Amino acid sequence: MVPGFRGHSNRIRLEAIEHLDARRKGVDTQMKKLLQPTLVMKRDGKIANRIYMALTILVALAMLAAASGSGSGSHVTAQPLPAWVDVAANVLSLLIGVLVLLPRTRVLGSMLAVVNMLLSMVVNYTVDGMAYFAKVSPFNVTTIMVASILVGHYADDLPNLFNGQPAATDKNDD
């Protein structure tokens, strides 16, 4: 430490700490918004919330299962996809599972789950063949159906997905 600059050093350190604290509070606020109940959740009754939460958990688990089982190895097909495609598909499935679990992004995650499973079916048929396609189709179709139910139910949350604002009919509830 340079003599005579002790006060400046402490002031800079204090400003840095205050800046980091303010950023942490901003991140905390954003995370709290992601975890807050949406308009549809507030509108639903207790039993409906439990049913849709169970369906949400099913879709999240399906995405986790898709991520852990993705990748056509040589045991399935003679010409498997490159490893980076499998890794990308696995990471995407994990991210979709997280999006489905977060209330604010549930509708987006559900839509992405439907698209992901449809693409999975196309790849399973074109790359892996009819036998493997027939083997995994019940899982894909079931996931598409459950995720589609979530999309339909949480569709009213879609307009407010990115702005973080409650819906117009919800502004006076707080």
C-alpha atoms as a PDB file:
ATOM      1  CA  MET A   1       0.000   0.000   0.000  1.00  0.00           C
ATOM      2  CA  VAL A   2       1.288   3.432  -0.931  1.00  0.00           C
ATOM      3  CA  PRO A   3       1.529   5.940   1.954  1.00  0.00           C
ATOM      4  CA  GLY A   4      -0.880   8.835   1.642  1.00  0.00           C
ATOM      5  CA  PHE A   5      -3.403   6.862  -0.442  1.00  0.00           C
ATOM      6  CA  ARG A   6      -4.874   4.849   2.383  1.00  0.00           C
ATOM      7  CA  GLY A   7      -8.142   6.818   2.377  1.00  0.00           C
ATOM      8  CA  HIS A   8      -8.543   6.508  -1.370  1.00  0.00           C
ATOM      9  CA  SER A   9      -7.987   2.764  -1.240  1.00  0.00           C
ATOM     10  CA  ASN A  10     -10.619   2.275   1.459  1.00  0.00           C
ATOM     11  CA  ARG A  11     -13.099   4.502  -0.359  1.00  0.00           C
ATOM     12  CA  ILE A  12     -12.629   2.559  -3.607  1.00  0.00           C
ATOM     13  CA  ARG A  13     -13.032  -0.704  -1.725  1.00  0.00           C
ATOM     14  CA  LEU A  14     -16.222   0.584  -0.078  1.00  0.00           C
ATOM     15  CA  GLU A  15     -17.629   1.732  -3.445  1.00  0.00           C
ATOM     16  CA  ALA A  16     -16.852  -1.662  -4.963  1.00  0.00           C
ATOM     17  CA  ILE A  17     -18.585  -3.429  -2.094  1.00  0.00           C
ATOM     18  CA  GLU A  18     -21.634  -1.165  -2.403  1.00  0.00           C
ATOM     19  CA  HIS A  19     -21.738  -1.772  -6.166  1.00  0.00           C
ATOM     20  CA  LEU A  20     -21.576  -5.551  -5.732  1.00  0.00           C
ATOM     21  CA  ASP A  21     -24.235  -5.416  -3.024  1.00  0.00           C
ATOM     22  CA  ALA A  22     -26.544  -3.422  -5.319  1.00  0.00           C
ATOM     23  CA  ARG A  23     -26.011  -5.941  -8.147  1.00  0.00           C
ATOM     24  CA  ARG A  24     -26.728  -8.831  -5.777  1.00  0.00           C
ATOM     25  CA  LYS A  25     -29.967  -7.181  -4.674  1.00  0.00           C
ATOM     26  CA  GLY A  26     -30.937  -6.706  -8.334  1.00  0.00           C
ATOM     27  CA  VAL A  27     -30.338 -10.378  -9.061  1.00  0.00           C
ATOM     28  CA  ASP A  28     -32.281 -11.336  -5.932  1.00  0.00           C
ATOM     29  CA  THR A  29     -35.217  -9.225  -7.121  1.00  0.00           C
ATOM     30  CA  GLN A  30     -35.147 -10.803 -10.573  1.00  0.00           C
ATOM     31  CA  MET A  31     -35.054 -14.313  -9.095  1.00  0.00           C
ATOM     32  CA  LYS A  32     -37.968 -13.482  -6.793  1.00  0.00           C
ATOM     33  CA  LYS A  33     -39.980 -12.357  -9.833  1.00  0.00           C
ATOM     34  CA  LEU A  34     -39.302 -15.700 -11.522  1.00  0.00           C
ATOM     35  CA  LEU A  35     -40.560 -17.577  -8.477  1.00  0.00           C
ATOM     36  CA  GLN A  36     -43.678 -15.503  -7.792  1.00  0.00           C
ATOM     37  CA  PRO A  37     -47.068 -16.959  -8.700  1.00  0.00           C
ATOM     38  CA  THR A  38     -48.388 -15.851 -12.074  1.00  0.00           C
ATOM     39  CA  LEU A  39     -51.840 -14.526 -12.912  1.00  0.00           C
ATOM     40  CA  VAL A  40     -53.087 -17.992 -13.835  1.00  0.00           C
ATOM     41  CA  MET A  41     -51.758 -19.468 -10.583  1.00  0.00           C
ATOM     42  CA  LYS A  42     -53.479 -16.758  -8.564  1.00  0.00           C
ATOM     43  CA  ARG A  43     -56.689 -17.314 -10.495  1.00  0.00           C
ATOM     44  CA  ASP A  44     -56.716 -21.092 -10.007  1.00  0.00           C
ATOM     45  CA  GLY A  45     -57.994 -22.821  -6.916  1.00  0.00           C
ATOM     46  CA  LYS A  46     -55.876 -24.912  -4.584  1.00  0.00           C
ATOM     47  CA  ILE A  47     -56.778 -28.247  -6.196  1.00  0.00           C
ATOM     48  CA  ALA A  48     -56.156 -26.941  -9.725  1.00  0.00           C
ATOM     49  CA  ASN A  49     -52.766 -25.592  -8.644  1.00  0.00           C
ATOM     50  CA  ARG A  50     -51.828 -28.989  -7.243  1.00  0.00           C
ATOM     51  CA  ILE A  51     -52.920 -30.809 -10.397  1.00  0.00           C
ATOM     52  CA  TYR A  52     -50.994 -28.456 -12.678  1.00  0.00           C
ATOM     53  CA  MET A  53     -47.962 -28.593 -10.400  1.00  0.00           C
ATOM     54  CA  ALA A  54     -47.991 -32.389 -10.699  1.00  0.00           C
ATOM     55  CA  LEU A  55     -48.163 -32.079 -14.497  1.00  0.00           C
ATOM     56  CA  THR A  56     -45.334 -29.538 -14.381  1.00  0.00           C
ATOM     57  CA  ILE A  57     -43.164 -31.932 -12.389  1.00  0.00           C
ATOM     58  CA  LEU A  58     -43.946 -34.718 -14.882  1.00  0.00           C
ATOM     59  CA  VAL A  59     -42.777 -32.563 -17.801  1.00  0.00           C
ATOM     60  CA  ALA A  60     -39.641 -31.490 -15.917  1.00  0.00           C
ATOM     61  CA  LEU A  61     -38.824 -35.120 -15.111  1.00  0.00           C
ATOM     62  CA  ALA A  62     -39.463 -36.089 -18.738  1.00  0.00           C
ATOM     63  CA  MET A  63     -36.988 -33.422 -19.856  1.00  0.00           C
ATOM     64  CA  LEU A  64     -34.453 -34.748 -17.360  1.00  0.00           C
ATOM     65  CA  ALA A  65     -35.021 -38.276 -18.648  1.00  0.00           C
ATOM     66  CA  ALA A  66     -34.685 -37.049 -22.233  1.00  0.00           C
ATOM     67  CA  ALA A  67     -31.400 -35.357 -21.339  1.00  0.00           C
ATOM     68  CA  SER A  68     -30.020 -38.437 -19.646  1.00  0.00           C
ATOM     69  CA  GLY A  69     -31.095 -40.824 -22.393  1.00  0.00           C
ATOM     70  CA  SER A  70     -30.413 -38.674 -25.439  1.00  0.00           C
ATOM     71  CA  GLY A  71     -27.858 -39.676 -27.978  1.00  0.00           C
ATOM     72  CA  SER A  72     -27.989 -42.441 -30.483  1.00  0.00           C
ATOM     73  CA  GLY A  73     -24.961 -44.613 -30.070  1.00  0.00           C
ATOM     74  CA  SER A  74     -23.679 -47.288 -32.377  1.00  0.00           C
ATOM     75  CA  HIS A  75     -25.978 -49.802 -30.646  1.00  0.00           C
ATOM     76  CA  VAL A  76     -28.963 -48.005 -32.192  1.00  0.00           C
ATOM     77  CA  THR A  77     -27.811 -46.981 -35.637  1.00  0.00           C
ATOM     78  CA  ALA A  78     -24.879 -47.516 -37.938  1.00  0.00           C
ATOM     79  CA  GLN A  79     -24.363 -43.756 -38.412  1.00  0.00           C
ATOM     80  CA  PRO A  80     -24.923 -41.975 -35.099  1.00  0.00           C
ATOM     81  CA  LEU A  81     -25.088 -38.185 -34.882  1.00  0.00           C
ATOM     82  CA  PRO A  82     -21.957 -36.247 -33.901  1.00  0.00           C
ATOM     83  CA  ALA A  83     -21.339 -35.989 -30.170  1.00  0.00           C
ATOM     84  CA  TRP A  84     -21.832 -32.211 -30.109  1.00  0.00           C
ATOM     85  CA  VAL A  85     -25.420 -32.642 -31.348  1.00  0.00           C
ATOM     86  CA  ASP A  86     -26.164 -35.030 -28.498  1.00  0.00           C
ATOM     87  CA  VAL A  87     -24.565 -32.694 -25.949  1.00  0.00           C
ATOM     88  CA  ALA A  88     -26.534 -29.716 -27.290  1.00  0.00           C
ATOM     89  CA  ALA A  89     -29.788 -31.694 -27.161  1.00  0.00           C
ATOM     90  CA  ASN A  90     -29.060 -32.788 -23.586  1.00  0.00           C
ATOM     91  CA  VAL A  91     -28.276 -29.244 -22.420  1.00  0.00           C
ATOM     92  CA  LEU A  92     -31.396 -27.943 -24.147  1.00  0.00           C
ATOM     93  CA  SER A  93     -33.536 -30.577 -22.442  1.00  0.00           C
ATOM     94  CA  LEU A  94     -32.106 -29.643 -19.041  1.00  0.00           C
ATOM     95  CA  LEU A  95     -32.751 -25.947 -19.639  1.00  0.00           C
ATOM     96  CA  ILE A  96     -36.309 -26.675 -20.721  1.00  0.00           C
ATOM     97  CA  GLY A  97     -36.841 -28.678 -17.531  1.00  0.00           C
ATOM     98  CA  VAL A  98     -35.720 -25.693 -15.448  1.00  0.00           C
ATOM     99  CA  LEU A  99     -37.904 -23.283 -17.446  1.00  0.00           C
ATOM    100  CA  VAL A 100     -40.924 -25.499 -16.856  1.00  0.00           C
ATOM    101  CA  LEU A 101     -40.323 -25.510 -13.100  1.00  0.00           C
ATOM    102  CA  LEU A 102     -40.095 -21.702 -12.787  1.00  0.00           C
ATOM    103  CA  PRO A 103     -43.586 -20.183 -12.558  1.00  0.00           C
ATOM    104  CA  ARG A 104     -42.845 -17.107 -14.673  1.00  0.00           C
ATOM    105  CA  THR A 105     -41.360 -19.157 -17.546  1.00  0.00           C
ATOM    106  CA  ARG A 106     -43.596 -22.224 -17.284  1.00  0.00           C
ATOM    107  CA  VAL A 107     -45.551 -21.527 -20.462  1.00  0.00           C
ATOM    108  CA  LEU A 108     -42.365 -20.929 -22.474  1.00  0.00           C
ATOM    109  CA  GLY A 109     -40.755 -24.076 -21.080  1.00  0.00           C
ATOM    110  CA  SER A 110     -43.858 -26.087 -21.921  1.00  0.00           C
ATOM    111  CA  MET A 111     -43.891 -24.801 -25.497  1.00  0.00           C
ATOM    112  CA  LEU A 112     -40.205 -25.612 -25.862  1.00  0.00           C
ATOM    113  CA  ALA A 113     -40.827 -29.098 -24.430  1.00  0.00           C
ATOM    114  CA  VAL A 114     -43.411 -29.752 -27.156  1.00  0.00           C
ATOM    115  CA  VAL A 115     -41.021 -28.538 -29.871  1.00  0.00           C
ATOM    116  CA  ASN A 116     -38.119 -30.508 -28.391  1.00  0.00           C
ATOM    117  CA  MET A 117     -40.118 -33.730 -28.301  1.00  0.00           C
ATOM    118  CA  LEU A 118     -41.391 -33.234 -31.859  1.00  0.00           C
ATOM    119  CA  LEU A 119     -37.825 -32.705 -33.073  1.00  0.00           C
ATOM    120  CA  SER A 120     -36.769 -35.746 -31.092  1.00  0.00           C
ATOM    121  CA  MET A 121     -39.383 -37.820 -32.893  1.00  0.00           C
ATOM    122  CA  VAL A 122     -38.166 -36.589 -36.285  1.00  0.00           C
ATOM    123  CA  VAL A 123     -34.560 -37.434 -35.422  1.00  0.00           C
ATOM    124  CA  ASN A 124     -35.524 -40.797 -33.965  1.00  0.00           C
ATOM    125  CA  TYR A 125     -37.321 -41.735 -37.170  1.00  0.00           C
ATOM    126  CA  THR A 126     -34.844 -40.356 -39.710  1.00  0.00           C
ATOM    127  CA  VAL A 127     -31.574 -41.257 -37.987  1.00  0.00           C
ATOM    128  CA  ASP A 128     -32.356 -44.233 -35.767  1.00  0.00           C
ATOM    129  CA  GLY A 129     -34.960 -46.026 -37.840  1.00  0.00           C
ATOM    130  CA  MET A 130     -38.498 -47.245 -37.366  1.00  0.00           C
ATOM    131  CA  ALA A 131     -37.748 -49.815 -34.647  1.00  0.00           C
ATOM    132  CA  TYR A 132     -36.195 -47.255 -32.288  1.00  0.00           C
ATOM    133  CA  PHE A 133     -38.834 -44.682 -33.219  1.00  0.00           C
ATOM    134  CA  ALA A 134     -41.592 -47.103 -32.236  1.00  0.00           C
ATOM    135  CA  LYS A 135     -39.777 -47.900 -28.999  1.00  0.00           C
ATOM    136  CA  VAL A 136     -39.482 -44.272 -27.770  1.00  0.00           C
ATOM    137  CA  SER A 137     -42.620 -42.765 -29.325  1.00  0.00           C
ATOM    138  CA  PRO A 138     -44.922 -43.457 -26.347  1.00  0.00           C
ATOM    139  CA  PHE A 139     -42.595 -41.426 -24.103  1.00  0.00           C
ATOM    140  CA  ASN A 140     -42.399 -38.580 -26.627  1.00  0.00           C
ATOM    141  CA  VAL A 141     -46.138 -38.492 -27.315  1.00  0.00           C
ATOM    142  CA  THR A 142     -47.011 -38.575 -23.604  1.00  0.00           C
ATOM    143  CA  THR A 143     -44.617 -35.715 -22.904  1.00  0.00           C
ATOM    144  CA  ILE A 144     -46.075 -33.713 -25.794  1.00  0.00           C
ATOM    145  CA  MET A 145     -49.603 -34.255 -24.499  1.00  0.00           C
ATOM    146  CA  VAL A 146     -48.825 -33.236 -20.917  1.00  0.00           C
ATOM    147  CA  ALA A 147     -46.748 -30.224 -22.004  1.00  0.00           C
ATOM    148  CA  SER A 148     -49.562 -29.174 -24.371  1.00  0.00           C
ATOM    149  CA  ILE A 149     -52.009 -29.219 -21.464  1.00  0.00           C
ATOM    150  CA  LEU A 150     -49.665 -26.882 -19.587  1.00  0.00           C
ATOM    151  CA  VAL A 151     -49.343 -24.587 -22.609  1.00  0.00           C
ATOM    152  CA  GLY A 152     -53.106 -24.366 -22.912  1.00  0.00           C
ATOM    153  CA  HIS A 153     -53.598 -23.725 -19.239  1.00  0.00           C
ATOM    154  CA  TYR A 154     -50.838 -21.135 -18.762  1.00  0.00           C
ATOM    155  CA  ALA A 155     -51.399 -19.370 -22.123  1.00  0.00           C
ATOM    156  CA  ASP A 156     -52.722 -16.250 -20.354  1.00  0.00           C
ATOM    157  CA  ASP A 157     -49.277 -15.794 -18.766  1.00  0.00           C
ATOM    158  CA  LEU A 158     -47.562 -15.580 -22.154  1.00  0.00           C
ATOM    159  CA  PRO A 159     -48.092 -11.833 -22.846  1.00  0.00           C
ATOM    160  CA  ASN A 160     -46.347 -10.947 -19.574  1.00  0.00           C
ATOM    161  CA  LEU A 161     -43.501 -13.408 -19.879  1.00  0.00           C
ATOM    162  CA  PHE A 162     -40.735 -10.989 -20.797  1.00  0.00           C
ATOM    163  CA  ASN A 163     -41.874  -7.688 -19.294  1.00  0.00           C
ATOM    164  CA  GLY A 164     -42.210  -9.045 -15.770  1.00  0.00           C
ATOM    165  CA  GLN A 165     -45.395  -7.052 -15.270  1.00  0.00           C
ATOM    166  CA  PRO A 166     -48.609  -8.575 -13.986  1.00  0.00           C
ATOM    167  CA  ALA A 167     -51.520  -8.798 -16.386  1.00  0.00           C
ATOM    168  CA  ALA A 168     -53.888  -5.824 -16.612  1.00  0.00           C
ATOM    169  CA  THR A 169     -56.593  -7.653 -14.656  1.00  0.00           C
ATOM    170  CA  ASP A 170     -54.084  -8.412 -11.884  1.00  0.00           C
ATOM    171  CA  LYS A 171     -52.723  -4.905 -11.220  1.00  0.00           C
ATOM    172  CA  ASN A 172     -55.179  -4.065  -8.448  1.00  0.00           C
ATOM    173  CA  ASP A 173     -54.779  -7.335  -6.544  1.00  0.00           C
ATOM    174  CA  ASP A 174     -51.666  -6.215  -4.608  1.00  0.00           C
END
